[in-house]
Amino acid sequence: MNLLIAEDDPFHRSFLRTIVSRALPDCEEIFEAVDGEEALDCVKRETIGGVVMDLQMPKASGVAAASGIWHHNPTMRILFWSNYADEAYVRGISRIVPADAVYGYLLKTASEHRLELAVQGVFQEDQCVVDREVRGVQQRSQNIHEGLSDAEFEVLRDIALGMTDKAIAARRSISTRGVQSRLKSLYDKMGIDPTPITKEIGPAFNSRTRAVAVAVARGLLNAEGLAIDEERYKAWLDKVGL
């Protein structure tokens, strides 16, 4: 099996090469990519059996690269290796993983031994290996009381793109009342209360803008995820002829 290491830091690439060589002694060749675009090009050009992927890389993030790789080959095994366990990253990956795909998500704070076991689990034993901290984020996001539902998270991403209620309704095939219901639920969960300060000033803030600001501060939204959403939004505009 050939493996690809996608990591922009040369020290981390060297470290990963050592770990992969030790964990998978039968690995025939290890390719390297320094950014997301190069990783996708390598998978298309070479015969690759698995990818160890950093999430933050230039040109194209790990999430964007993985999305392209899985579009090219839905059975590709990918082990994400990252400093980040923010919900934006966790949800971003959850949104692109194909059905029945084998993948892993390990934090860079994990020990060498844990990383070796993850490499073997994903690429040798076809097991999904997810770091405990990341699993906790996944569980919290799925808790109806603690986390946002998929519908609430979807409308959060839409207002982050600047979409109006009518545009969201058209894109999501729901009524404008349905959009407003999702927004109310989103605001309630995020603790956004547009109570006026005084009669002269009115509401203290714009609820949409405030929701986006709070989401960024909490790690619910990030630049990589929004870049992917922007591309999908443009594709929708082209599809409907706008």
C-alpha atoms as a PDB file:
ATOM      1  CA  MET A   1       0.000   0.000   0.000  1.00  0.00           C
ATOM      2  CA  ASN A   2       1.137   3.538  -0.795  1.00  0.00           C
ATOM      3  CA  LEU A   3       0.421   6.306   1.714  1.00  0.00           C
ATOM      4  CA  LEU A   4       0.257  10.092   1.384  1.00  0.00           C
ATOM      5  CA  ILE A   5       1.288  12.516   4.141  1.00  0.00           C
ATOM      6  CA  ALA A   6      -0.305  15.955   3.677  1.00  0.00           C
ATOM      7  CA  GLU A   7       1.305  18.421   6.095  1.00  0.00           C
ATOM      8  CA  ASP A   8       2.767  21.871   5.447  1.00  0.00           C
ATOM      9  CA  ASP A   9       5.277  21.803   8.330  1.00  0.00           C
ATOM     10  CA  PRO A  10       8.511  19.983   7.276  1.00  0.00           C
ATOM     11  CA  PHE A  11       9.299  18.867  10.831  1.00  0.00           C
ATOM     12  CA  HIS A  12       5.840  17.330  11.224  1.00  0.00           C
ATOM     13  CA  ARG A  13       6.096  15.661   7.809  1.00  0.00           C
ATOM     14  CA  SER A  14       9.380  14.063   8.825  1.00  0.00           C
ATOM     15  CA  PHE A  15       7.881  12.972  12.142  1.00  0.00           C
ATOM     16  CA  LEU A  16       4.845  11.438  10.418  1.00  0.00           C
ATOM     17  CA  ARG A  17       7.067   9.616   7.926  1.00  0.00           C
ATOM     18  CA  THR A  18       8.946   8.038  10.842  1.00  0.00           C
ATOM     19  CA  ILE A  19       5.714   7.018  12.568  1.00  0.00           C
ATOM     20  CA  VAL A  20       4.159   5.591   9.394  1.00  0.00           C
ATOM     21  CA  SER A  21       7.326   3.652   8.516  1.00  0.00           C
ATOM     22  CA  ARG A  22       7.379   2.151  12.000  1.00  0.00           C
ATOM     23  CA  ALA A  23       3.653   1.423  12.216  1.00  0.00           C
ATOM     24  CA  LEU A  24       3.313   0.113   8.643  1.00  0.00           C
ATOM     25  CA  PRO A  25       6.565  -1.672   7.728  1.00  0.00           C
ATOM     26  CA  ASP A  26       4.896  -3.118   4.613  1.00  0.00           C
ATOM     27  CA  CYS A  27       4.048   0.333   3.230  1.00  0.00           C
ATOM     28  CA  GLU A  28       5.553   0.390  -0.269  1.00  0.00           C
ATOM     29  CA  GLU A  29       5.939   4.138  -0.800  1.00  0.00           C
ATOM     30  CA  ILE A  30       5.197   7.284   1.186  1.00  0.00           C
ATOM     31  CA  PHE A  31       4.288  10.381  -0.813  1.00  0.00           C
ATOM     32  CA  GLU A  32       4.292  13.894   0.636  1.00  0.00           C
ATOM     33  CA  ALA A  33       2.214  17.011  -0.035  1.00  0.00           C
ATOM     34  CA  VAL A  34       2.739  20.472   1.444  1.00  0.00           C
ATOM     35  CA  ASP A  35      -0.783  21.821   0.896  1.00  0.00           C
ATOM     36  CA  GLY A  36      -4.320  20.689   0.213  1.00  0.00           C
ATOM     37  CA  GLU A  37      -4.196  21.238  -3.535  1.00  0.00           C
ATOM     38  CA  GLU A  38      -1.025  19.183  -3.870  1.00  0.00           C
ATOM     39  CA  ALA A  39      -2.595  16.412  -1.781  1.00  0.00           C
ATOM     40  CA  LEU A  40      -5.611  16.192  -4.085  1.00  0.00           C
ATOM     41  CA  ASP A  41      -3.400  16.239  -7.188  1.00  0.00           C
ATOM     42  CA  CYS A  42      -1.258  13.437  -5.749  1.00  0.00           C
ATOM     43  CA  VAL A  43      -4.267  11.232  -5.030  1.00  0.00           C
ATOM     44  CA  LYS A  44      -5.506  11.727  -8.578  1.00  0.00           C
ATOM     45  CA  ARG A  45      -2.078  11.093 -10.084  1.00  0.00           C
ATOM     46  CA  GLU A  46      -0.724   8.230  -7.962  1.00  0.00           C
ATOM     47  CA  THR A  47      -2.124   4.972  -6.569  1.00  0.00           C
ATOM     48  CA  ILE A  48      -2.727   5.945  -2.960  1.00  0.00           C
ATOM     49  CA  GLY A  49      -4.262   3.667  -0.332  1.00  0.00           C
ATOM     50  CA  GLY A  50      -4.544   6.132   2.537  1.00  0.00           C
ATOM     51  CA  VAL A  51      -3.856   9.709   3.630  1.00  0.00           C
ATOM     52  CA  VAL A  52      -2.583  11.269   6.847  1.00  0.00           C
ATOM     53  CA  MET A  53      -3.974  14.793   6.674  1.00  0.00           C
ATOM     54  CA  ASP A  54      -3.290  17.997   8.595  1.00  0.00           C
ATOM     55  CA  LEU A  55      -6.355  20.242   8.841  1.00  0.00           C
ATOM     56  CA  GLN A  56      -4.718  23.647   8.490  1.00  0.00           C
ATOM     57  CA  MET A  57      -2.727  23.947   5.272  1.00  0.00           C
ATOM     58  CA  PRO A  58      -2.218  26.670   2.635  1.00  0.00           C
ATOM     59  CA  LYS A  59      -4.115  26.863  -0.670  1.00  0.00           C
ATOM     60  CA  ALA A  60      -6.714  24.320   0.469  1.00  0.00           C
ATOM     61  CA  SER A  61      -7.483  23.202   4.019  1.00  0.00           C
ATOM     62  CA  GLY A  62      -7.481  19.575   5.094  1.00  0.00           C
ATOM     63  CA  VAL A  63     -11.277  19.559   5.122  1.00  0.00           C
ATOM     64  CA  ALA A  64     -11.445  20.947   1.565  1.00  0.00           C
ATOM     65  CA  ALA A  65      -8.759  18.521   0.357  1.00  0.00           C
ATOM     66  CA  ALA A  66     -10.470  15.565   2.019  1.00  0.00           C
ATOM     67  CA  SER A  67     -13.786  16.560   0.439  1.00  0.00           C
ATOM     68  CA  GLY A  68     -12.133  16.517  -2.979  1.00  0.00           C
ATOM     69  CA  ILE A  69     -10.345  13.253  -2.289  1.00  0.00           C
ATOM     70  CA  TRP A  70     -13.532  11.525  -1.146  1.00  0.00           C
ATOM     71  CA  HIS A  71     -15.360  12.889  -4.181  1.00  0.00           C
ATOM     72  CA  HIS A  72     -12.651  11.261  -6.306  1.00  0.00           C
ATOM     73  CA  ASN A  73     -12.535   8.071  -4.218  1.00  0.00           C
ATOM     74  CA  PRO A  74     -15.245   7.581  -1.524  1.00  0.00           C
ATOM     75  CA  THR A  75     -13.408   4.570  -0.074  1.00  0.00           C
ATOM     76  CA  MET A  76     -10.153   6.420   0.648  1.00  0.00           C
ATOM     77  CA  ARG A  77      -9.020   5.991   4.262  1.00  0.00           C
ATOM     78  CA  ILE A  78      -8.018   9.305   5.842  1.00  0.00           C
ATOM     79  CA  LEU A  79      -6.468   9.990   9.246  1.00  0.00           C
ATOM     80  CA  PHE A  80      -6.816  13.644  10.248  1.00  0.00           C
ATOM     81  CA  TRP A  81      -3.981  14.833  12.502  1.00  0.00           C
ATOM     82  CA  SER A  82      -4.619  18.260  13.942  1.00  0.00           C
ATOM     83  CA  ASN A  83      -4.077  20.761  16.739  1.00  0.00           C
ATOM     84  CA  TYR A  84      -7.768  21.585  16.699  1.00  0.00           C
ATOM     85  CA  ALA A  85     -10.853  19.975  18.193  1.00  0.00           C
ATOM     86  CA  ASP A  86     -13.148  22.973  17.624  1.00  0.00           C
ATOM     87  CA  GLU A  87     -16.722  22.101  16.728  1.00  0.00           C
ATOM     88  CA  ALA A  88     -16.316  23.853  13.382  1.00  0.00           C
ATOM     89  CA  TYR A  89     -13.632  21.335  12.368  1.00  0.00           C
ATOM     90  CA  VAL A  90     -15.457  18.355  13.855  1.00  0.00           C
ATOM     91  CA  ARG A  91     -18.731  19.221  12.121  1.00  0.00           C
ATOM     92  CA  GLY A  92     -16.857  20.132   8.947  1.00  0.00           C
ATOM     93  CA  ILE A  93     -15.427  16.640   8.732  1.00  0.00           C
ATOM     94  CA  SER A  94     -18.688  14.974   9.745  1.00  0.00           C
ATOM     95  CA  ARG A  95     -20.417  16.744   6.852  1.00  0.00           C
ATOM     96  CA  ILE A  96     -18.078  15.342   4.201  1.00  0.00           C
ATOM     97  CA  VAL A  97     -17.391  11.763   5.349  1.00  0.00           C
ATOM     98  CA  PRO A  98     -18.981   9.333   2.867  1.00  0.00           C
ATOM     99  CA  ALA A  99     -21.234   6.593   4.169  1.00  0.00           C
ATOM    100  CA  ASP A 100     -19.232   3.667   5.579  1.00  0.00           C
ATOM    101  CA  ALA A 101     -15.921   5.489   5.054  1.00  0.00           C
ATOM    102  CA  VAL A 102     -13.002   4.627   7.352  1.00  0.00           C
ATOM    103  CA  TYR A 103     -11.365   7.664   8.910  1.00  0.00           C
ATOM    104  CA  GLY A 104      -9.596   8.874  12.035  1.00  0.00           C
ATOM    105  CA  TYR A 105      -9.253  12.171  13.884  1.00  0.00           C
ATOM    106  CA  LEU A 106      -6.295  12.431  16.262  1.00  0.00           C
ATOM    107  CA  LEU A 107      -4.955  15.500  18.021  1.00  0.00           C
ATOM    108  CA  LYS A 108      -1.268  16.361  17.714  1.00  0.00           C
ATOM    109  CA  THR A 109      -0.993  16.244  21.502  1.00  0.00           C
ATOM    110  CA  ALA A 110      -1.434  12.452  21.368  1.00  0.00           C
ATOM    111  CA  SER A 111       1.594  10.313  22.199  1.00  0.00           C
ATOM    112  CA  GLU A 112       3.713   8.638  19.521  1.00  0.00           C
ATOM    113  CA  HIS A 113       2.353   5.274  20.636  1.00  0.00           C
ATOM    114  CA  ARG A 114      -1.224   6.499  20.284  1.00  0.00           C
ATOM    115  CA  LEU A 115      -0.453   7.869  16.824  1.00  0.00           C
ATOM    116  CA  GLU A 116       1.084   4.546  15.768  1.00  0.00           C
ATOM    117  CA  LEU A 117      -2.010   2.689  16.979  1.00  0.00           C
ATOM    118  CA  ALA A 118      -4.238   5.129  15.083  1.00  0.00           C
ATOM    119  CA  VAL A 119      -2.226   4.626  11.869  1.00  0.00           C
ATOM    120  CA  GLN A 120      -2.500   0.860  12.228  1.00  0.00           C
ATOM    121  CA  GLY A 121      -6.179   1.018  13.163  1.00  0.00           C
ATOM    122  CA  VAL A 122      -7.219   3.148  10.179  1.00  0.00           C
ATOM    123  CA  PHE A 123      -4.929   1.762   7.472  1.00  0.00           C
ATOM    124  CA  GLN A 124      -4.439  -1.853   8.525  1.00  0.00           C
ATOM    125  CA  GLU A 125      -7.580  -2.790  10.416  1.00  0.00           C
ATOM    126  CA  ASP A 126     -10.122  -0.494   8.715  1.00  0.00           C
ATOM    127  CA  GLN A 127     -11.219   0.974  12.055  1.00  0.00           C
ATOM    128  CA  CYS A 128     -12.494   4.483  12.696  1.00  0.00           C
ATOM    129  CA  VAL A 129     -10.241   6.021  15.354  1.00  0.00           C
ATOM    130  CA  VAL A 130     -11.403   9.274  16.965  1.00  0.00           C
ATOM    131  CA  ASP A 131      -9.605  11.102  19.781  1.00  0.00           C
ATOM    132  CA  ARG A 132     -11.499  11.182  23.083  1.00  0.00           C
ATOM    133  CA  GLU A 133     -11.649  14.979  23.119  1.00  0.00           C
ATOM    134  CA  VAL A 134     -12.966  15.048  19.558  1.00  0.00           C
ATOM    135  CA  ARG A 135     -15.525  12.378  20.437  1.00  0.00           C
ATOM    136  CA  GLY A 136     -16.679  14.581  23.302  1.00  0.00           C
ATOM    137  CA  VAL A 137     -17.227  17.482  20.900  1.00  0.00           C
ATOM    138  CA  GLN A 138     -19.186  15.172  18.600  1.00  0.00           C
ATOM    139  CA  GLN A 139     -21.396  14.016  21.455  1.00  0.00           C
ATOM    140  CA  ARG A 140     -22.038  17.554  22.710  1.00  0.00           C
ATOM    141  CA  SER A 141     -22.969  18.711  19.215  1.00  0.00           C
ATOM    142  CA  GLN A 142     -25.454  15.832  18.977  1.00  0.00           C
ATOM    143  CA  ASN A 143     -27.022  16.602  22.374  1.00  0.00           C
ATOM    144  CA  ILE A 144     -30.310  18.400  21.692  1.00  0.00           C
ATOM    145  CA  HIS A 145     -29.927  20.459  24.854  1.00  0.00           C
ATOM    146  CA  GLU A 146     -26.221  21.373  24.569  1.00  0.00           C
ATOM    147  CA  GLY A 147     -25.512  21.458  20.851  1.00  0.00           C
ATOM    148  CA  LEU A 148     -27.063  22.865  17.720  1.00  0.00           C
ATOM    149  CA  SER A 149     -29.202  20.599  15.583  1.00  0.00           C
ATOM    150  CA  ASP A 150     -28.188  20.083  11.964  1.00  0.00           C
ATOM    151  CA  ALA A 151     -30.978  22.465  10.889  1.00  0.00           C
ATOM    152  CA  GLU A 152     -29.804  25.156  13.330  1.00  0.00           C
ATOM    153  CA  PHE A 153     -26.192  24.760  12.297  1.00  0.00           C
ATOM    154  CA  GLU A 154     -27.235  24.936   8.648  1.00  0.00           C
ATOM    155  CA  VAL A 155     -29.078  28.234   9.107  1.00  0.00           C
ATOM    156  CA  LEU A 156     -26.123  29.595  11.095  1.00  0.00           C
ATOM    157  CA  ARG A 157     -23.836  28.935   8.131  1.00  0.00           C
ATOM    158  CA  ASP A 158     -26.377  30.513   5.773  1.00  0.00           C
ATOM    159  CA  ILE A 159     -26.595  33.783   7.728  1.00  0.00           C
ATOM    160  CA  ALA A 160     -22.784  33.798   7.977  1.00  0.00           C
ATOM    161  CA  LEU A 161     -22.837  33.921   4.169  1.00  0.00           C
ATOM    162  CA  GLY A 162     -25.153  36.955   4.366  1.00  0.00           C
ATOM    163  CA  MET A 163     -28.227  35.192   2.991  1.00  0.00           C
ATOM    164  CA  THR A 164     -31.709  36.651   3.498  1.00  0.00           C
ATOM    165  CA  ASP A 165     -34.661  34.685   4.882  1.00  0.00           C
ATOM    166  CA  LYS A 166     -36.147  34.313   1.404  1.00  0.00           C
ATOM    167  CA  ALA A 167     -32.855  33.109  -0.084  1.00  0.00           C
ATOM    168  CA  ILE A 168     -32.407  30.577   2.714  1.00  0.00           C
ATOM    169  CA  ALA A 169     -35.985  29.371   2.233  1.00  0.00           C
ATOM    170  CA  ALA A 170     -35.390  28.860  -1.500  1.00  0.00           C
ATOM    171  CA  ARG A 171     -32.069  27.110  -1.002  1.00  0.00           C
ATOM    172  CA  ARG A 172     -33.300  24.798   1.776  1.00  0.00           C
ATOM    173  CA  SER A 173     -36.762  24.198   0.281  1.00  0.00           C
ATOM    174  CA  ILE A 174     -38.603  25.423   3.369  1.00  0.00           C
ATOM    175  CA  SER A 175     -40.950  28.350   4.053  1.00  0.00           C
ATOM    176  CA  THR A 176     -39.726  31.712   5.292  1.00  0.00           C
ATOM    177  CA  ARG A 177     -41.626  30.953   8.496  1.00  0.00           C
ATOM    178  CA  GLY A 178     -39.571  27.770   8.769  1.00  0.00           C
ATOM    179  CA  VAL A 179     -36.390  29.830   8.402  1.00  0.00           C
ATOM    180  CA  GLN A 180     -37.539  32.219  11.128  1.00  0.00           C
ATOM    181  CA  SER A 181     -38.364  29.273  13.395  1.00  0.00           C
ATOM    182  CA  ARG A 182     -34.858  27.876  12.916  1.00  0.00           C
ATOM    183  CA  LEU A 183     -33.355  31.287  13.619  1.00  0.00           C
ATOM    184  CA  LYS A 184     -35.356  31.676  16.827  1.00  0.00           C
ATOM    185  CA  SER A 185     -34.216  28.251  18.006  1.00  0.00           C
ATOM    186  CA  LEU A 186     -30.620  29.147  17.087  1.00  0.00           C
ATOM    187  CA  TYR A 187     -30.768  32.430  19.006  1.00  0.00           C
ATOM    188  CA  ASP A 188     -32.287  30.738  22.051  1.00  0.00           C
ATOM    189  CA  LYS A 189     -29.538  28.104  22.206  1.00  0.00           C
ATOM    190  CA  MET A 190     -26.808  30.693  21.732  1.00  0.00           C
ATOM    191  CA  GLY A 191     -28.244  32.961  24.419  1.00  0.00           C
ATOM    192  CA  ILE A 192     -28.923  35.851  22.053  1.00  0.00           C
ATOM    193  CA  ASP A 193     -31.643  38.106  23.437  1.00  0.00           C
ATOM    194  CA  PRO A 194     -32.318  41.243  21.353  1.00  0.00           C
ATOM    195  CA  THR A 195     -33.884  43.117  24.273  1.00  0.00           C
ATOM    196  CA  PRO A 196     -33.860  46.899  23.660  1.00  0.00           C
ATOM    197  CA  ILE A 197     -31.594  48.983  25.900  1.00  0.00           C
ATOM    198  CA  THR A 198     -33.931  51.978  25.715  1.00  0.00           C
ATOM    199  CA  LYS A 199     -36.836  53.030  23.576  1.00  0.00           C
ATOM    200  CA  GLU A 200     -34.589  55.501  21.755  1.00  0.00           C
ATOM    201  CA  ILE A 201     -31.816  53.030  20.896  1.00  0.00           C
ATOM    202  CA  GLY A 202     -33.944  49.964  20.277  1.00  0.00           C
ATOM    203  CA  PRO A 203     -32.294  46.521  20.021  1.00  0.00           C
ATOM    204  CA  ALA A 204     -28.731  46.404  21.310  1.00  0.00           C
ATOM    205  CA  PHE A 205     -27.484  44.501  18.270  1.00  0.00           C
ATOM    206  CA  ASN A 206     -28.408  42.777  15.024  1.00  0.00           C
ATOM    207  CA  SER A 207     -29.259  39.200  16.016  1.00  0.00           C
ATOM    208  CA  ARG A 208     -27.817  37.659  12.825  1.00  0.00           C
ATOM    209  CA  THR A 209     -24.499  39.450  13.170  1.00  0.00           C
ATOM    210  CA  ARG A 210     -24.349  38.671  16.879  1.00  0.00           C
ATOM    211  CA  ALA A 211     -25.013  34.966  16.232  1.00  0.00           C
ATOM    212  CA  VAL A 212     -22.132  34.792  13.755  1.00  0.00           C
ATOM    213  CA  ALA A 213     -19.780  36.627  16.146  1.00  0.00           C
ATOM    214  CA  VAL A 214     -20.661  34.297  19.041  1.00  0.00           C
ATOM    215  CA  ALA A 215     -20.303  31.242  16.785  1.00  0.00           C
ATOM    216  CA  VAL A 216     -16.800  32.286  15.721  1.00  0.00           C
ATOM    217  CA  ALA A 217     -15.807  32.951  19.340  1.00  0.00           C
ATOM    218  CA  ARG A 218     -17.072  29.514  20.388  1.00  0.00           C
ATOM    219  CA  GLY A 219     -15.370  27.695  17.514  1.00  0.00           C
ATOM    220  CA  LEU A 220     -18.622  26.813  15.754  1.00  0.00           C
ATOM    221  CA  LEU A 221     -17.496  28.579  12.570  1.00  0.00           C
ATOM    222  CA  ASN A 222     -14.049  28.968  11.044  1.00  0.00           C
ATOM    223  CA  ALA A 223     -12.481  30.265   7.843  1.00  0.00           C
ATOM    224  CA  GLU A 224     -11.970  26.810   6.305  1.00  0.00           C
ATOM    225  CA  GLY A 225     -15.585  25.774   6.779  1.00  0.00           C
ATOM    226  CA  LEU A 226     -16.907  29.089   5.518  1.00  0.00           C
ATOM    227  CA  ALA A 227     -14.732  28.827   2.410  1.00  0.00           C
ATOM    228  CA  ILE A 228     -16.342  25.472   1.601  1.00  0.00           C
ATOM    229  CA  ASP A 229     -19.802  26.917   2.295  1.00  0.00           C
ATOM    230  CA  GLU A 230     -19.014  29.840  -0.023  1.00  0.00           C
ATOM    231  CA  GLU A 231     -18.178  27.477  -2.880  1.00  0.00           C
ATOM    232  CA  ARG A 232     -21.382  25.505  -2.312  1.00  0.00           C
ATOM    233  CA  TYR A 233     -23.361  28.747  -2.168  1.00  0.00           C
ATOM    234  CA  LYS A 234     -21.893  29.879  -5.503  1.00  0.00           C
ATOM    235  CA  ALA A 235     -22.715  26.487  -7.012  1.00  0.00           C
ATOM    236  CA  TRP A 236     -26.327  26.868  -5.824  1.00  0.00           C
ATOM    237  CA  LEU A 237     -26.514  30.373  -7.347  1.00  0.00           C
ATOM    238  CA  ASP A 238     -25.281  29.003 -10.671  1.00  0.00           C
ATOM    239  CA  LYS A 239     -27.793  26.159 -10.501  1.00  0.00           C
ATOM    240  CA  VAL A 240     -30.777  28.441  -9.984  1.00  0.00           C
ATOM    241  CA  GLY A 241     -29.494  30.936 -12.527  1.00  0.00           C
ATOM    242  CA  LEU A 242     -28.769  33.847 -10.228  1.00  0.00           C
END
